[in-house]
Amino acid sequence: MASIIRDTHNRLQIPYLRRLSPLGKTLVAVGAFGIWTAVTWLLEGRIQTLLRPEATMDRVIYTGVANVLVGTILALWLVREFVASDFTSREQLGFRSPIRTVVAVLIAGVAGIAVYLIQQPPSTDPIVVMNAFAQVLPVSIAEIVICWVIVGGSVAALLRTRGVHPYLVNGIALVVASLLFGVYHIAHSPPFNTPAMIGLLTVVSVGTGLFYFAGHSVYGALVFHNFLALFGVTAALAEAGQLGPYQAPIFPLLATALISLVILVGLERMVVRDAAATSTAAPPMTT
């Protein structure tokens, strides 16, 4: 399997993308955000998929296409091209050593649980929490990869090429990623697509940005972000009177979450990690 993935990895190089200027690559990153947002609206917000627990097939299609295919697989292939062309690096994008990753995940997990409980959530039933956590995980993975890794990472890389101070680099990239994360929610079901909620989510997502840009960890940011999303989803389900079905394990949700996580870790390890070593990129075009 690994050899097949690596062979595909080598065949699917995009030389033109690698030759783009830093500004060109950043614009491609923003374009990826736009495509992902449009697909999210088509498969979720338009038909309010997340507010219908009984719509198992709709949730699977939405999760599989918008968040796994577009938001994770295609997005990480884009990350591979950015790394292979030396536009940025795995470390700068938050893919760190196993030890640092474990420490970041533990810290994020403790912080995330605390934030969830402090907000007096509608449910602390372990089964409900497990199902809801699994439901939002594939979405959170795509949100982290698109908003923070691709767009935030590209903005940071572009600013570094312009000689901007490192603190300003991270600060500006954090603001851009958080703003786009908030805007993206216009593609979701109520109440997430309301102006008040979009503003709140933009502010709250700064916490995710701090884990990502200050902690330099994709997985730490992912865990903390998923706990933030967990509260929003359980609250929305409670308001719609739909928490009942979540009191028993929902195996399609659990399986989809596991598959999404395996894809994220597997592609990062087998594709992104090897990108710099196998790079055949031509010199980038200038702006």
Protein backbone atom coordinates (compact mmCIF):
# COMPACT_ATOMS: atom_id res chain seq x y z
CA MET A 1 0.00 0.00 0.00
CA ALA A 2 2.79 2.42 0.90
CA SER A 3 4.54 1.81 -2.42
CA ILE A 4 1.29 2.43 -4.31
CA ILE A 5 0.74 5.72 -2.48
CA ARG A 6 4.32 6.83 -3.13
CA ASP A 7 4.05 5.90 -6.81
CA THR A 8 0.83 7.92 -7.06
CA HIS A 9 2.56 10.70 -5.14
CA ASN A 10 5.31 10.86 -7.77
CA ARG A 11 2.90 10.69 -10.71
CA LEU A 12 0.61 13.45 -9.47
CA GLN A 13 3.17 16.21 -9.21
CA ILE A 14 1.99 19.61 -10.44
CA PRO A 15 5.04 21.36 -11.92
CA TYR A 16 3.14 24.54 -12.83
CA LEU A 17 1.96 24.96 -9.25
CA ARG A 18 5.49 24.46 -7.97
CA ARG A 19 6.76 27.19 -10.30
CA LEU A 20 4.20 29.76 -9.15
CA SER A 21 5.43 32.77 -7.22
CA PRO A 22 4.75 32.95 -3.46
CA LEU A 23 1.84 35.28 -4.21
CA GLY A 24 0.52 32.86 -6.82
CA LYS A 25 0.64 29.95 -4.38
CA THR A 26 -1.17 32.02 -1.76
CA LEU A 27 -3.93 32.84 -4.25
CA VAL A 28 -4.25 29.13 -5.05
CA ALA A 29 -4.64 28.47 -1.32
CA VAL A 30 -7.45 31.03 -1.11
CA GLY A 31 -9.05 29.42 -4.16
CA ALA A 32 -8.99 26.04 -2.42
CA PHE A 33 -10.79 27.66 0.50
CA GLY A 34 -13.47 28.96 -1.87
CA ILE A 35 -14.01 25.56 -3.50
CA TRP A 36 -14.26 23.80 -0.13
CA THR A 37 -16.76 26.39 1.14
CA ALA A 38 -18.92 26.00 -1.98
CA VAL A 39 -18.97 22.21 -1.69
CA THR A 40 -19.84 22.53 2.01
CA TRP A 41 -22.86 24.67 1.18
CA LEU A 42 -23.98 22.30 -1.56
CA LEU A 43 -23.85 19.19 0.62
CA GLU A 44 -24.56 20.58 4.10
CA GLY A 45 -25.91 24.11 4.45
CA ARG A 46 -28.29 23.89 1.49
CA ILE A 47 -30.09 20.83 2.92
CA GLN A 48 -29.19 21.30 6.64
CA THR A 49 -27.51 17.92 6.88
CA LEU A 50 -26.04 18.32 10.37
CA LEU A 51 -29.45 19.10 11.87
CA ARG A 52 -30.89 15.78 10.66
CA PRO A 53 -29.34 12.87 12.63
CA GLU A 54 -31.53 10.41 10.72
CA ALA A 55 -30.01 11.51 7.37
CA THR A 56 -27.13 9.06 7.59
CA MET A 57 -26.42 8.90 3.86
CA ASP A 58 -26.46 12.69 3.47
CA ARG A 59 -23.97 13.01 6.34
CA VAL A 60 -21.69 10.37 4.85
CA ILE A 61 -21.74 12.07 1.43
CA TYR A 62 -21.15 15.51 2.93
CA THR A 63 -18.33 14.30 5.14
CA GLY A 64 -16.74 12.15 2.46
CA VAL A 65 -16.79 14.72 -0.34
CA ALA A 66 -16.50 18.11 1.36
CA ASN A 67 -14.24 17.24 4.26
CA VAL A 68 -12.35 14.06 3.38
CA LEU A 69 -11.91 14.36 -0.41
CA VAL A 70 -11.69 18.15 -0.84
CA GLY A 71 -10.78 19.36 2.65
CA THR A 72 -8.22 16.67 3.47
CA ILE A 73 -6.96 14.59 0.52
CA LEU A 74 -6.85 17.28 -2.18
CA ALA A 75 -5.80 19.89 0.38
CA LEU A 76 -2.85 17.81 1.57
CA TRP A 77 -1.80 17.24 -2.03
CA LEU A 78 -1.67 21.01 -2.31
CA VAL A 79 0.41 21.13 0.88
CA ARG A 80 2.75 18.58 -0.71
CA GLU A 81 3.34 20.89 -3.67
CA PHE A 82 4.01 23.85 -1.39
CA VAL A 83 6.55 21.88 0.64
CA ALA A 84 8.18 20.30 -2.42
CA SER A 85 8.76 23.74 -3.96
CA ASP A 86 10.32 25.06 -0.73
CA PHE A 87 7.55 27.64 -0.39
CA THR A 88 7.22 26.42 3.20
CA SER A 89 8.13 23.36 5.29
CA ARG A 90 6.41 20.63 7.30
CA GLU A 91 7.66 22.15 10.53
CA GLN A 92 6.46 25.64 9.64
CA LEU A 93 3.06 24.14 8.82
CA GLY A 94 2.82 22.48 12.24
CA PHE A 95 3.72 18.87 11.44
CA ARG A 96 6.23 18.21 14.18
CA SER A 97 8.02 15.25 15.83
CA PRO A 98 5.95 12.51 17.50
CA ILE A 99 7.00 13.61 21.00
CA ARG A 100 6.06 17.25 20.44
CA THR A 101 2.82 16.14 18.83
CA VAL A 102 1.85 13.95 21.81
CA VAL A 103 2.62 16.75 24.28
CA ALA A 104 0.61 19.26 22.22
CA VAL A 105 -2.35 16.87 21.95
CA LEU A 106 -2.37 16.21 25.71
CA ILE A 107 -2.27 19.93 26.53
CA ALA A 108 -4.96 20.66 23.94
CA GLY A 109 -7.12 17.82 25.23
CA VAL A 110 -7.04 19.05 28.82
CA ALA A 111 -7.70 22.64 27.72
CA GLY A 112 -10.48 21.53 25.38
CA ILE A 113 -12.28 19.47 28.03
CA ALA A 114 -12.04 22.36 30.49
CA VAL A 115 -13.48 24.83 27.98
CA TYR A 116 -16.29 22.42 27.11
CA LEU A 117 -17.29 21.88 30.74
CA ILE A 118 -16.99 25.55 31.71
CA GLN A 119 -19.62 26.41 29.10
CA GLN A 120 -22.18 24.17 30.87
CA PRO A 121 -22.83 21.96 27.82
CA PRO A 122 -26.26 20.47 27.15
CA SER A 123 -24.86 16.98 27.72
CA THR A 124 -21.90 15.33 29.45
CA ASP A 125 -23.15 11.82 28.67
CA PRO A 126 -20.00 10.01 27.43
CA ILE A 127 -21.88 8.36 24.55
CA VAL A 128 -23.43 11.63 23.40
CA VAL A 129 -20.06 13.38 23.66
CA MET A 130 -18.34 10.54 21.78
CA ASN A 131 -20.87 10.61 18.94
CA ALA A 132 -20.82 14.40 18.66
CA PHE A 133 -17.01 14.48 18.84
CA ALA A 134 -16.89 11.89 16.05
CA GLN A 135 -19.40 13.87 13.97
CA VAL A 136 -17.38 17.08 14.08
CA LEU A 137 -13.90 15.52 13.78
CA PRO A 138 -13.83 15.14 9.95
CA VAL A 139 -15.15 18.70 9.67
CA SER A 140 -12.52 19.97 12.12
CA ILE A 141 -9.76 18.19 10.18
CA ALA A 142 -10.80 19.95 6.98
CA GLU A 143 -11.15 23.28 8.79
CA ILE A 144 -7.66 23.02 10.26
CA VAL A 145 -6.06 21.89 6.99
CA ILE A 146 -7.81 24.49 4.82
CA CYS A 147 -8.04 27.56 7.06
CA TRP A 148 -4.88 27.25 9.13
CA VAL A 149 -2.46 24.95 7.27
CA ILE A 150 -3.12 25.95 3.66
CA VAL A 151 -4.34 29.54 3.88
CA GLY A 152 -2.70 30.55 7.17
CA GLY A 153 0.50 28.71 6.27
CA SER A 154 0.58 30.29 2.81
CA VAL A 155 0.02 33.78 4.15
CA ALA A 156 2.81 33.23 6.68
CA ALA A 157 5.14 31.89 3.99
CA LEU A 158 4.36 34.83 1.69
CA LEU A 159 5.08 37.32 4.47
CA ARG A 160 8.37 35.60 5.28
CA THR A 161 9.47 36.04 1.67
CA ARG A 162 8.74 39.76 2.10
CA GLY A 163 10.99 39.99 5.15
CA VAL A 164 8.18 40.64 7.65
CA HIS A 165 9.06 40.22 11.34
CA PRO A 166 8.25 36.68 12.60
CA TYR A 167 5.83 37.92 15.27
CA LEU A 168 3.91 39.93 12.69
CA VAL A 169 3.96 36.96 10.32
CA ASN A 170 2.16 34.72 12.80
CA GLY A 171 -0.16 37.46 13.98
CA ILE A 172 -1.34 38.42 10.50
CA ALA A 173 -1.69 34.78 9.42
CA LEU A 174 -3.71 34.03 12.58
CA VAL A 175 -6.12 36.89 11.87
CA VAL A 176 -6.57 35.86 8.22
CA ALA A 177 -7.20 32.20 9.11
CA SER A 178 -9.69 33.12 11.83
CA LEU A 179 -11.58 35.53 9.57
CA LEU A 180 -11.87 32.95 6.80
CA PHE A 181 -12.95 30.30 9.30
CA GLY A 182 -15.78 32.58 10.38
CA VAL A 183 -16.78 33.45 6.80
CA TYR A 184 -16.85 29.78 5.82
CA HIS A 185 -19.80 29.22 8.17
CA ILE A 186 -22.15 30.98 5.78
CA ALA A 187 -22.11 27.59 4.02
CA HIS A 188 -23.43 25.73 7.10
CA SER A 189 -26.79 25.00 8.69
CA PRO A 190 -28.43 27.35 11.19
CA PRO A 191 -27.50 28.66 13.67
CA PHE A 192 -23.90 28.60 12.41
CA ASN A 193 -24.64 30.71 9.33
CA THR A 194 -26.10 33.68 11.21
CA PRO A 195 -24.08 36.93 11.41
CA ALA A 196 -23.90 36.80 15.21
CA MET A 197 -22.64 33.21 15.21
CA ILE A 198 -20.12 33.90 12.43
CA GLY A 199 -18.71 36.78 14.47
CA LEU A 200 -18.56 34.67 17.62
CA LEU A 201 -16.87 31.76 15.84
CA THR A 202 -14.32 34.11 14.32
CA VAL A 203 -13.35 35.38 17.77
CA VAL A 204 -13.41 31.94 19.40
CA SER A 205 -11.22 30.49 16.63
CA VAL A 206 -8.38 32.72 17.79
CA GLY A 207 -7.82 30.05 20.46
CA THR A 208 -7.28 27.50 17.72
CA GLY A 209 -4.93 29.93 16.01
CA LEU A 210 -2.87 30.29 19.16
CA PHE A 211 -2.48 26.51 19.43
CA TYR A 212 -1.50 26.39 15.77
CA PHE A 213 0.79 29.40 15.36
CA ALA A 214 2.19 29.61 18.89
CA GLY A 215 2.23 25.88 19.62
CA HIS A 216 3.28 25.00 16.05
CA SER A 217 1.18 21.82 16.13
CA VAL A 218 -1.51 20.76 13.67
CA TYR A 219 -2.73 17.96 15.91
CA GLY A 220 -2.79 20.09 19.05
CA ALA A 221 -4.83 22.72 17.22
CA LEU A 222 -7.11 19.99 15.86
CA VAL A 223 -7.92 18.53 19.28
CA PHE A 224 -8.59 21.91 20.87
CA HIS A 225 -10.62 23.07 17.87
CA ASN A 226 -12.74 19.92 17.92
CA PHE A 227 -13.70 20.51 21.55
CA LEU A 228 -14.78 24.05 20.63
CA ALA A 229 -16.88 22.64 17.79
CA LEU A 230 -18.24 19.92 20.08
CA PHE A 231 -20.04 22.46 22.25
CA GLY A 232 -21.58 24.23 19.26
CA VAL A 233 -22.90 21.03 17.72
CA THR A 234 -24.33 19.59 20.95
CA ALA A 235 -26.01 22.92 21.70
CA ALA A 236 -27.53 23.04 18.20
CA LEU A 237 -28.75 19.45 18.49
CA ALA A 238 -30.25 20.12 21.92
CA GLU A 239 -32.06 23.20 20.63
CA ALA A 240 -33.49 21.13 17.77
CA GLY A 241 -34.49 18.34 20.18
CA GLN A 242 -32.20 15.88 18.40
CA LEU A 243 -29.87 14.68 21.18
CA GLY A 244 -31.89 11.50 21.74
CA PRO A 245 -30.44 9.50 18.83
CA TYR A 246 -26.93 10.33 20.11
CA GLN A 247 -27.45 8.39 23.37
CA ALA A 248 -26.44 5.17 21.61
CA PRO A 249 -23.26 4.69 19.53
CA ILE A 250 -23.73 5.85 15.94
CA PHE A 251 -21.29 3.59 14.16
CA PRO A 252 -21.26 5.36 10.77
CA LEU A 253 -20.15 8.55 12.58
CA LEU A 254 -17.46 6.70 14.54
CA ALA A 255 -16.19 4.88 11.44
CA THR A 256 -16.09 8.07 9.37
CA ALA A 257 -14.18 9.91 12.09
CA LEU A 258 -11.61 7.11 12.32
CA ILE A 259 -11.18 6.96 8.54
CA SER A 260 -10.75 10.73 8.35
CA LEU A 261 -8.05 10.69 11.02
CA VAL A 262 -6.22 7.78 9.40
CA ILE A 263 -6.27 9.60 6.04
CA LEU A 264 -4.89 12.78 7.62
CA VAL A 265 -2.06 11.01 9.42
CA GLY A 266 -1.32 8.60 6.56
CA LEU A 267 -1.14 11.23 3.83
CA GLU A 268 0.93 13.56 5.96
CA ARG A 269 3.41 10.82 6.76
CA MET A 270 3.58 9.20 3.32
CA VAL A 271 3.11 12.20 1.03
CA VAL A 272 3.88 15.51 2.71
CA ARG A 273 6.83 14.21 4.74
CA ASP A 274 8.59 12.92 1.61
CA ALA A 275 7.85 16.01 -0.47
CA ALA A 276 11.05 17.92 0.21
CA ALA A 277 13.26 14.90 -0.38
CA THR A 278 11.62 14.06 -3.72
CA SER A 279 11.25 17.62 -4.97
CA THR A 280 11.93 18.23 -8.66
CA ALA A 281 10.53 21.72 -8.63
CA ALA A 282 11.77 24.34 -11.06
CA PRO A 283 12.81 27.76 -9.73
CA PRO A 284 9.72 29.74 -8.76
CA MET A 285 8.43 32.55 -10.95
CA THR A 286 8.80 36.03 -9.54
CA THR A 287 5.93 38.39 -8.86
